[in-house]
Amino acid sequence: MITASKESYVLWLENAALHRRKGPEAADTNAMLTFSKHLFLTMMTGSVRLKDLLLGDDLKTEGSKVDLPW
């Protein structure tokens, strides 16, 4: 979920491609992330490492942190 806009997206990997759709959490969700739009853009530009995000305070996670990097 992107916090400022309250938008929710489902992301998944299939055939080495990242897919997305706008909508509520999927029934088979392994993990959920909540963050700001600014943090999302920082992640997409590669300006921060996933490890630093998961250990920092700017990203809220629910579910399995183990499944996130895959």
Protein backbone atom coordinates (compact mmCIF):
# COMPACT_ATOMS: atom_id res chain seq x y z
CA MET A 1 0.00 0.00 0.00
CA ILE A 2 1.24 3.49 -0.82
CA THR A 3 0.38 5.41 2.34
CA ALA A 4 -0.34 8.98 1.16
CA SER A 5 -2.79 7.96 -1.54
CA LYS A 6 -4.13 4.83 0.19
CA GLU A 7 -3.60 2.96 -3.10
CA SER A 8 -3.08 -0.79 -2.97
CA TYR A 9 -1.38 -2.92 -5.63
CA VAL A 10 -0.72 -6.64 -5.99
CA LEU A 11 2.75 -7.49 -7.35
CA TRP A 12 3.95 -10.89 -8.53
CA LEU A 13 6.79 -12.42 -10.51
CA GLU A 14 6.00 -14.62 -13.47
CA ASN A 15 8.44 -15.74 -16.16
CA ALA A 16 11.09 -13.36 -14.77
CA ALA A 17 8.77 -10.35 -15.22
CA LEU A 18 7.27 -8.22 -12.46
CA HIS A 19 3.51 -7.79 -12.90
CA ARG A 20 1.12 -5.55 -11.01
CA ARG A 21 -2.54 -4.80 -10.70
CA LYS A 22 -4.36 -2.23 -8.66
CA GLY A 23 -6.61 -3.74 -6.06
CA PRO A 24 -6.88 -5.28 -2.61
CA GLU A 25 -4.56 -7.90 -1.17
CA ALA A 26 -4.68 -11.27 -2.95
CA ALA A 27 -5.89 -14.32 -1.02
CA ASP A 28 -2.54 -16.10 -1.45
CA THR A 29 -0.38 -13.14 -0.37
CA ASN A 30 2.87 -14.16 1.33
CA ALA A 31 3.93 -10.66 2.39
CA MET A 32 2.58 -7.13 2.36
CA LEU A 33 4.57 -3.87 2.24
CA THR A 34 3.37 -0.42 3.27
CA PHE A 35 5.44 2.61 2.26
CA SER A 36 5.37 6.17 0.94
CA LYS A 37 5.41 7.07 -2.75
CA HIS A 38 8.83 8.67 -2.23
CA LEU A 39 10.20 5.42 -0.79
CA PHE A 40 8.69 3.47 -3.70
CA LEU A 41 10.46 5.72 -6.22
CA THR A 42 13.71 5.32 -4.28
CA MET A 43 13.34 1.54 -4.48
CA MET A 44 12.54 1.59 -8.21
CA THR A 45 15.59 3.72 -9.03
CA GLY A 46 17.88 1.35 -7.12
CA SER A 47 18.99 4.06 -4.68
CA VAL A 48 18.50 1.76 -1.69
CA ARG A 49 19.12 -1.94 -1.09
CA LEU A 50 16.31 -4.30 -0.09
CA LYS A 51 18.27 -5.39 2.99
CA ASP A 52 18.50 -1.78 4.19
CA LEU A 53 14.77 -1.29 3.57
CA LEU A 54 13.77 -4.39 5.50
CA LEU A 55 15.94 -3.44 8.46
CA GLY A 56 14.97 0.26 8.41
CA ASP A 57 11.95 2.09 9.83
CA ASP A 58 10.53 3.51 6.57
CA LEU A 59 8.98 0.27 5.37
CA LYS A 60 6.25 -1.64 7.20
CA THR A 61 6.08 -5.36 6.45
CA GLU A 62 3.46 -7.97 7.27
CA GLY A 63 3.89 -11.65 6.59
CA SER A 64 7.01 -13.47 5.46
CA LYS A 65 10.17 -11.34 5.07
CA VAL A 66 11.84 -14.47 3.71
CA ASP A 67 9.57 -14.48 0.62
CA LEU A 68 10.21 -10.81 -0.25
CA PRO A 69 13.57 -11.12 -2.07
CA TRP A 70 12.29 -13.95 -4.30
